[in-house]
Every structure is written in C-alpha cells, then in structure tokens.
PDB file of N, CA and C in Angstrom:
ATOM      1  N   ASN A   1       7.387  -3.898  18.616  1.00  0.00           N
ATOM      2  CA  ASN A   1       7.476  -2.979  17.566  1.00  0.00           C
ATOM      3  C   ASN A   1       8.472  -3.396  16.520  1.00  0.00           C
ATOM      4  N   PRO A   2       9.455  -4.302  16.946  1.00  0.00           N
ATOM      5  CA  PRO A   2      10.386  -4.776  15.827  1.00  0.00           C
ATOM      6  C   PRO A   2       9.640  -5.535  14.720  1.00  0.00           C
ATOM      7  N   PHE A   3      10.034  -5.204  13.541  1.00  0.00           N
ATOM      8  CA  PHE A   3       9.478  -5.878  12.328  1.00  0.00           C
ATOM      9  C   PHE A   3      10.546  -6.296  11.387  1.00  0.00           C
ATOM     10  N   ASN A   4      10.036  -7.199  10.413  1.00  0.00           N
ATOM     11  CA  ASN A   4      11.021  -7.744   9.488  1.00  0.00           C
ATOM     12  C   ASN A   4      10.559  -7.566   8.167  1.00  0.00           C
ATOM     13  N   ASN A   5      11.058  -6.664   7.428  1.00  0.00           N
ATOM     14  CA  ASN A   5      10.779  -6.217   6.002  1.00  0.00           C
ATOM     15  C   ASN A   5       9.543  -5.477   5.735  1.00  0.00           C
ATOM     16  N   THR A   6       8.444  -5.873   6.356  1.00  0.00           N
ATOM     17  CA  THR A   6       7.248  -4.966   6.156  1.00  0.00           C
ATOM     18  C   THR A   6       6.511  -4.836   7.434  1.00  0.00           C
ATOM     19  N   THR A   7       5.859  -3.623   7.588  1.00  0.00           N
ATOM     20  CA  THR A   7       4.934  -3.308   8.783  1.00  0.00           C
ATOM     21  C   THR A   7       3.845  -2.607   8.234  1.00  0.00           C
ATOM     22  N   ARG A   8       2.792  -2.774   8.928  1.00  0.00           N
ATOM     23  CA  ARG A   8       1.489  -2.010   8.616  1.00  0.00           C
ATOM     24  C   ARG A   8       1.340  -0.943   9.715  1.00  0.00           C
ATOM     25  N   LEU A   9       1.118   0.309   9.275  1.00  0.00           N
ATOM     26  CA  LEU A   9       0.964   1.389  10.172  1.00  0.00           C
ATOM     27  C   LEU A   9      -0.612   1.786  10.001  1.00  0.00           C
ATOM     28  N   SER A  10      -1.311   1.628  11.119  1.00  0.00           N
ATOM     29  CA  SER A  10      -2.650   2.057  11.000  1.00  0.00           C
ATOM     30  C   SER A  10      -3.138   3.334  11.799  1.00  0.00           C
ATOM     31  N   TYR A  11      -4.084   4.005  11.392  1.00  0.00           N
ATOM     32  CA  TYR A  11      -4.574   5.098  12.140  1.00  0.00           C
ATOM     33  C   TYR A  11      -5.984   5.382  11.833  1.00  0.00           C
ATOM     34  N   ASP A  12      -6.633   6.163  12.751  1.00  0.00           N
ATOM     35  CA  ASP A  12      -8.039   6.493  12.680  1.00  0.00           C
ATOM     36  C   ASP A  12      -8.150   8.002  12.664  1.00  0.00           C
ATOM     37  N   LEU A  13      -9.040   8.618  11.729  1.00  0.00           N
ATOM     38  CA  LEU A  13      -9.183   9.881  11.593  1.00  0.00           C
ATOM     39  C   LEU A  13     -10.657  10.255  11.936  1.00  0.00           C
ATOM     40  N   PRO A  14     -10.830  11.202  12.779  1.00  0.00           N
ATOM     41  CA  PRO A  14     -12.170  11.627  13.158  1.00  0.00           C
ATOM     42  C   PRO A  14     -12.842  12.526  12.127  1.00  0.00           C
ATOM     43  N   GLU A  15     -12.048  13.150  11.178  1.00  0.00           N
ATOM     44  CA  GLU A  15     -12.504  13.937  10.117  1.00  0.00           C
ATOM     45  C   GLU A  15     -11.672  13.893   8.872  1.00  0.00           C
ATOM     46  N   ALA A  16     -12.112  14.366   7.810  1.00  0.00           N
ATOM     47  CA  ALA A  16     -11.297  14.378   6.582  1.00  0.00           C
ATOM     48  C   ALA A  16     -10.127  15.453   6.730  1.00  0.00           C
ATOM     49  N   VAL A  17      -8.918  14.976   6.500  1.00  0.00           N
ATOM     50  CA  VAL A  17      -7.784  15.879   6.822  1.00  0.00           C
ATOM     51  C   VAL A  17      -6.643  15.359   5.839  1.00  0.00           C
ATOM     52  N   ASN A  18      -5.639  16.259   5.685  1.00  0.00           N
ATOM     53  CA  ASN A  18      -4.424  15.772   4.992  1.00  0.00           C
ATOM     54  C   ASN A  18      -3.578  14.985   5.864  1.00  0.00           C
ATOM     55  N   VAL A  19      -3.004  13.926   5.342  1.00  0.00           N
ATOM     56  CA  VAL A  19      -2.284  13.036   6.120  1.00  0.00           C
ATOM     57  C   VAL A  19      -0.802  12.858   5.405  1.00  0.00           C
ATOM     58  N   LYS A  20       0.237  13.049   6.135  1.00  0.00           N
ATOM     59  CA  LYS A  20       1.525  12.836   5.642  1.00  0.00           C
ATOM     60  C   LYS A  20       2.304  11.824   6.682  1.00  0.00           C
ATOM     61  N   ILE A  21       2.819  10.771   6.117  1.00  0.00           N
ATOM     62  CA  ILE A  21       3.561   9.750   6.948  1.00  0.00           C
ATOM     63  C   ILE A  21       4.925   9.701   6.245  1.00  0.00           C
ATOM     64  N   GLN A  22       5.977   9.913   7.113  1.00  0.00           N
ATOM     65  CA  GLN A  22       7.193   9.965   6.421  1.00  0.00           C
ATOM     66  C   GLN A  22       8.273   9.066   7.418  1.00  0.00           C
ATOM     67  N   ILE A  23       9.221   8.475   6.822  1.00  0.00           N
ATOM     68  CA  ILE A  23      10.296   7.738   7.607  1.00  0.00           C
ATOM     69  C   ILE A  23      11.555   8.358   7.566  1.00  0.00           C
ATOM     70  N   TYR A  24      12.127   8.455   8.668  1.00  0.00           N
ATOM     71  CA  TYR A  24      13.514   9.052   8.877  1.00  0.00           C
ATOM     72  C   TYR A  24      14.410   8.181   9.489  1.00  0.00           C
ATOM     73  N   ASP A  25      15.743   8.248   9.138  1.00  0.00           N
ATOM     74  CA  ASP A  25      16.797   7.511   9.840  1.00  0.00           C
ATOM     75  C   ASP A  25      17.013   8.248  11.160  1.00  0.00           C
ATOM     76  N   LEU A  26      17.966   7.662  11.939  1.00  0.00           N
ATOM     77  CA  LEU A  26      18.306   8.264  13.061  1.00  0.00           C
ATOM     78  C   LEU A  26      19.114   9.620  12.949  1.00  0.00           C
ATOM     79  N   SER A  27      19.744   9.872  11.893  1.00  0.00           N
ATOM     80  CA  SER A  27      20.470  11.043  11.581  1.00  0.00           C
ATOM     81  C   SER A  27      19.479  12.087  11.234  1.00  0.00           C
ATOM     82  N   GLY A  28      18.223  11.842  11.041  1.00  0.00           N
ATOM     83  CA  GLY A  28      17.255  12.826  10.680  1.00  0.00           C
ATOM     84  C   GLY A  28      17.030  12.948   9.217  1.00  0.00           C
ATOM     85  N   ARG A  29      17.603  12.181   8.389  1.00  0.00           N
ATOM     86  CA  ARG A  29      17.453  12.063   7.000  1.00  0.00           C
ATOM     87  C   ARG A  29      16.177  11.489   6.685  1.00  0.00           C
ATOM     88  N   LEU A  30      15.318  12.068   5.779  1.00  0.00           N
ATOM     89  CA  LEU A  30      14.067  11.466   5.218  1.00  0.00           C
ATOM     90  C   LEU A  30      14.523  10.417   4.274  1.00  0.00           C
ATOM     91  N   VAL A  31      13.950   9.203   4.517  1.00  0.00           N
ATOM     92  CA  VAL A  31      14.404   7.997   3.658  1.00  0.00           C
ATOM     93  C   VAL A  31      13.113   7.705   2.713  1.00  0.00           C
ATOM     94  N   ILE A  32      11.950   7.953   3.100  1.00  0.00           N
ATOM     95  CA  ILE A  32      10.740   7.602   2.292  1.00  0.00           C
ATOM     96  C   ILE A  32       9.519   8.253   2.787  1.00  0.00           C
ATOM     97  N   THR A  33       8.648   8.878   1.883  1.00  0.00           N
ATOM     98  CA  THR A  33       7.295   9.306   2.288  1.00  0.00           C
ATOM     99  C   THR A  33       6.336   8.186   1.816  1.00  0.00           C
ATOM    100  N   LEU A  34       5.603   7.687   2.834  1.00  0.00           N
ATOM    101  CA  LEU A  34       4.659   6.607   2.594  1.00  0.00           C
ATOM    102  C   LEU A  34       3.307   7.169   2.010  1.00  0.00           C
ATOM    103  N   THR A  35       2.964   8.211   2.493  1.00  0.00           N
ATOM    104  CA  THR A  35       1.615   8.780   2.009  1.00  0.00           C
ATOM    105  C   THR A  35       1.677  10.320   2.265  1.00  0.00           C
ATOM    106  N   ASN A  36       0.901  11.043   1.275  1.00  0.00           N
ATOM    107  CA  ASN A  36       0.836  12.578   1.366  1.00  0.00           C
ATOM    108  C   ASN A  36      -0.273  12.955   0.609  1.00  0.00           C
ATOM    109  N   GLY A  37      -1.529  13.023   1.386  1.00  0.00           N
ATOM    110  CA  GLY A  37      -2.796  13.395   0.570  1.00  0.00           C
ATOM    111  C   GLY A  37      -3.895  13.522   1.623  1.00  0.00           C
ATOM    112  N   LYS A  38      -5.080  13.669   1.142  1.00  0.00           N
ATOM    113  CA  LYS A  38      -6.282  13.942   1.881  1.00  0.00           C
ATOM    114  C   LYS A  38      -6.968  12.609   2.027  1.00  0.00           C
ATOM    115  N   TYR A  39      -7.433  12.356   3.226  1.00  0.00           N
ATOM    116  CA  TYR A  39      -8.070  11.083   3.631  1.00  0.00           C
ATOM    117  C   TYR A  39      -9.355  11.505   4.381  1.00  0.00           C
ATOM    118  N   GLU A  40     -10.460  10.696   4.007  1.00  0.00           N
ATOM    119  CA  GLU A  40     -11.627  10.758   4.687  1.00  0.00           C
ATOM    120  C   GLU A  40     -11.609  10.329   6.068  1.00  0.00           C
ATOM    121  N   ALA A  41     -12.685  10.616   6.952  1.00  0.00           N
ATOM    122  CA  ALA A  41     -12.713  10.057   8.308  1.00  0.00           C
ATOM    123  C   ALA A  41     -12.777   8.569   8.300  1.00  0.00           C
ATOM    124  N   GLY A  42     -12.268   7.902   9.242  1.00  0.00           N
ATOM    125  CA  GLY A  42     -12.310   6.532   9.364  1.00  0.00           C
ATOM    126  C   GLY A  42     -11.046   5.843   9.590  1.00  0.00           C
ATOM    127  N   HIS A  43     -10.992   4.631   9.536  1.00  0.00           N
ATOM    128  CA  HIS A  43      -9.772   3.746   9.728  1.00  0.00           C
ATOM    129  C   HIS A  43      -8.930   3.611   8.550  1.00  0.00           C
ATOM    130  N   HIS A  44      -7.681   3.838   8.468  1.00  0.00           N
ATOM    131  CA  HIS A  44      -6.738   3.676   7.429  1.00  0.00           C
ATOM    132  C   HIS A  44      -5.576   2.980   7.699  1.00  0.00           C
ATOM    133  N   TYR A  45      -4.735   2.507   6.758  1.00  0.00           N
ATOM    134  CA  TYR A  45      -3.498   1.889   7.047  1.00  0.00           C
ATOM    135  C   TYR A  45      -2.639   2.121   5.821  1.00  0.00           C
ATOM    136  N   VAL A  46      -1.332   2.117   6.099  1.00  0.00           N
ATOM    137  CA  VAL A  46      -0.248   2.219   4.990  1.00  0.00           C
ATOM    138  C   VAL A  46       0.662   1.128   5.332  1.00  0.00           C
ATOM    139  N   THR A  47       1.219   0.393   4.276  1.00  0.00           N
ATOM    140  CA  THR A  47       2.209  -0.615   4.443  1.00  0.00           C
ATOM    141  C   THR A  47       3.572  -0.079   4.135  1.00  0.00           C
ATOM    142  N   TRP A  48       4.720  -0.403   4.929  1.00  0.00           N
ATOM    143  CA  TRP A  48       6.020   0.125   4.554  1.00  0.00           C
ATOM    144  C   TRP A  48       6.754  -1.189   4.275  1.00  0.00           C
ATOM    145  N   ASP A  49       7.110  -1.260   3.011  1.00  0.00           N
ATOM    146  CA  ASP A  49       8.034  -2.445   2.586  1.00  0.00           C
ATOM    147  C   ASP A  49       9.424  -1.961   2.793  1.00  0.00           C
ATOM    148  N   ALA A  50      10.151  -2.441   3.763  1.00  0.00           N
ATOM    149  CA  ALA A  50      11.441  -1.936   4.076  1.00  0.00           C
ATOM    150  C   ALA A  50      12.500  -2.881   3.532  1.00  0.00           C
ATOM    151  N   ASP A  51      12.273  -3.669   2.540  1.00  0.00           N
ATOM    152  CA  ASP A  51      13.036  -4.723   2.098  1.00  0.00           C
ATOM    153  C   ASP A  51      14.389  -4.191   1.704  1.00  0.00           C
ATOM    154  N   ASN A  52      14.468  -2.904   1.197  1.00  0.00           N
ATOM    155  CA  ASN A  52      15.706  -2.284   0.614  1.00  0.00           C
ATOM    156  C   ASN A  52      16.350  -1.429   1.703  1.00  0.00           C
ATOM    157  N   PHE A  53      15.978  -1.468   2.783  1.00  0.00           N
ATOM    158  CA  PHE A  53      16.479  -0.716   3.895  1.00  0.00           C
ATOM    159  C   PHE A  53      17.402  -1.464   4.864  1.00  0.00           C
ATOM    160  N   ALA A  54      18.325  -0.687   5.513  1.00  0.00           N
ATOM    161  CA  ALA A  54      19.256  -1.478   6.497  1.00  0.00           C
ATOM    162  C   ALA A  54      18.516  -1.641   7.754  1.00  0.00           C
ATOM    163  N   THR A  55      19.029  -2.799   8.537  1.00  0.00           N
ATOM    164  CA  THR A  55      18.523  -3.014   9.843  1.00  0.00           C
ATOM    165  C   THR A  55      18.889  -1.816  10.677  1.00  0.00           C
ATOM    166  N   GLY A  56      17.946  -1.515  11.518  1.00  0.00           N
ATOM    167  CA  GLY A  56      18.120  -0.321  12.529  1.00  0.00           C
ATOM    168  C   GLY A  56      17.024   0.258  12.975  1.00  0.00           C
ATOM    169  N   ILE A  57      17.064   1.389  13.587  1.00  0.00           N
ATOM    170  CA  ILE A  57      15.973   2.097  14.235  1.00  0.00           C
ATOM    171  C   ILE A  57      15.641   3.230  13.287  1.00  0.00           C
ATOM    172  N   TYR A  58      14.257   3.482  13.071  1.00  0.00           N
ATOM    173  CA  TYR A  58      13.770   4.484  12.145  1.00  0.00           C
ATOM    174  C   TYR A  58      12.682   5.306  12.890  1.00  0.00           C
ATOM    175  N   LEU A  59      12.428   6.521  12.499  1.00  0.00           N
ATOM    176  CA  LEU A  59      11.404   7.322  13.116  1.00  0.00           C
ATOM    177  C   LEU A  59      10.239   7.521  12.070  1.00  0.00           C
ATOM    178  N   VAL A  60       9.107   7.240  12.628  1.00  0.00           N
ATOM    179  CA  VAL A  60       7.952   7.356  11.744  1.00  0.00           C
ATOM    180  C   VAL A  60       7.267   8.654  12.198  1.00  0.00           C
ATOM    181  N   ARG A  61       7.090   9.635  11.345  1.00  0.00           N
ATOM    182  CA  ARG A  61       6.416  10.909  11.632  1.00  0.00           C
ATOM    183  C   ARG A  61       5.163  11.078  10.836  1.00  0.00           C
ATOM    184  N   MET A  62       4.121  11.208  11.609  1.00  0.00           N
ATOM    185  CA  MET A  62       2.732  11.441  11.042  1.00  0.00           C
ATOM    186  C   MET A  62       2.259  12.804  11.326  1.00  0.00           C
ATOM    187  N   ARG A  63       1.664  13.409  10.397  1.00  0.00           N
ATOM    188  CA  ARG A  63       1.000  14.616  10.395  1.00  0.00           C
ATOM    189  C   ARG A  63      -0.354  14.435   9.849  1.00  0.00           C
ATOM    190  N   ALA A  64      -1.424  14.820  10.678  1.00  0.00           N
ATOM    191  CA  ALA A  64      -2.694  14.606  10.169  1.00  0.00           C
ATOM    192  C   ALA A  64      -3.562  15.940  10.733  1.00  0.00           C
ATOM    193  N   GLY A  65      -3.711  16.841   9.814  1.00  0.00           N
ATOM    194  CA  GLY A  65      -4.310  18.053  10.361  1.00  0.00           C
ATOM    195  C   GLY A  65      -3.451  18.643  11.304  1.00  0.00           C
ATOM    196  N   GLU A  66      -3.981  19.029  12.490  1.00  0.00           N
ATOM    197  CA  GLU A  66      -3.250  19.703  13.547  1.00  0.00           C
ATOM    198  C   GLU A  66      -2.405  18.712  14.435  1.00  0.00           C
ATOM    199  N   PHE A  67      -2.604  17.381  14.197  1.00  0.00           N
ATOM    200  CA  PHE A  67      -2.034  16.344  15.038  1.00  0.00           C
ATOM    201  C   PHE A  67      -0.640  16.036  14.474  1.00  0.00           C
ATOM    202  N   GLU A  68       0.361  15.817  15.239  1.00  0.00           N
ATOM    203  CA  GLU A  68       1.653  15.328  14.825  1.00  0.00           C
ATOM    204  C   GLU A  68       2.170  14.338  15.948  1.00  0.00           C
ATOM    205  N   SER A  69       2.826  13.280  15.308  1.00  0.00           N
ATOM    206  CA  SER A  69       3.219  12.244  16.301  1.00  0.00           C
ATOM    207  C   SER A  69       4.548  11.634  15.569  1.00  0.00           C
ATOM    208  N   VAL A  70       5.588  11.317  16.473  1.00  0.00           N
ATOM    209  CA  VAL A  70       6.857  10.802  15.972  1.00  0.00           C
ATOM    210  C   VAL A  70       6.964   9.441  16.855  1.00  0.00           C
ATOM    211  N   ARG A  71       7.220   8.432  16.173  1.00  0.00           N
ATOM    212  CA  ARG A  71       7.460   7.030  16.984  1.00  0.00           C
ATOM    213  C   ARG A  71       8.676   6.263  16.425  1.00  0.00           C
ATOM    214  N   LYS A  72       9.253   5.562  17.323  1.00  0.00           N
ATOM    215  CA  LYS A  72      10.444   4.768  16.800  1.00  0.00           C
ATOM    216  C   LYS A  72       9.925   3.385  16.386  1.00  0.00           C
ATOM    217  N   VAL A  73      10.482   2.783  15.296  1.00  0.00           N
ATOM    218  CA  VAL A  73      10.318   1.362  14.940  1.00  0.00           C
ATOM    219  C   VAL A  73      11.675   0.846  14.641  1.00  0.00           C
ATOM    220  N   THR A  74      11.831  -0.430  14.860  1.00  0.00           N
ATOM    221  CA  THR A  74      12.940  -1.173  14.669  1.00  0.00           C
ATOM    222  C   THR A  74      12.790  -2.149  13.609  1.00  0.00           C
ATOM    223  N   LEU A  75      13.679  -2.056  12.601  1.00  0.00           N
ATOM    224  CA  LEU A  75      13.724  -2.979  11.451  1.00  0.00           C
ATOM    225  C   LEU A  75      14.770  -4.081  11.775  1.00  0.00           C
ATOM    226  N   LEU A  76      14.365  -5.320  11.891  1.00  0.00           N
ATOM    227  CA  LEU A  76      15.274  -6.380  11.938  1.00  0.00           C
ATOM    228  C   LEU A  76      15.281  -7.202  10.768  1.00  0.00           C
ATOM    229  N   LYS A  77      16.480  -7.792  10.347  1.00  0.00           N
ATOM    230  CA  LYS A  77      16.620  -8.515   9.087  1.00  0.00           C
ATOM    231  C   LYS A  77      17.310  -9.920   9.496  1.00  0.00           C
TER     232      LYS A  77
END
C-alpha cells in the first residue's frame, strides 16, 4: 500500500450511485476531495497526485450509495 507521489484508487459499482472519495490526515482534517458525483455501474478509478503532500499516513474515505469504507494509505517520498 505504500506509494510515492501518485496512487490509483479503483472501485466497482453494481449500480449507478453517488460516489465521494476524500482524503484525511491522521488528525481527521480533510485534505482533499478526489471525486464527488454520480457514476454509472462498472469499473472506475481516480488518481491521487500527492506530490504537494507530506510523507505520512492518510485515510481514504469512500462513500458510494449506502456503502462506506475507510482505509489507510502510506505516502513515501
């Protein structure tokens, strides 16, 4: 899961829903919203260019319809 400057976050949707993917630092502060909109069913991805962010652990929060997930990612420079 460690990445250097950019990472690609992929997801599959069984139906059309609103998707919001946000990145938080460990203090819980929102640092960027990667996407916020309606997507059709199928495979999708969003790229996070973290070139201007500090090395560390971040939380990726995804909401898609009723589904919600939070995962840790590590940015290494």
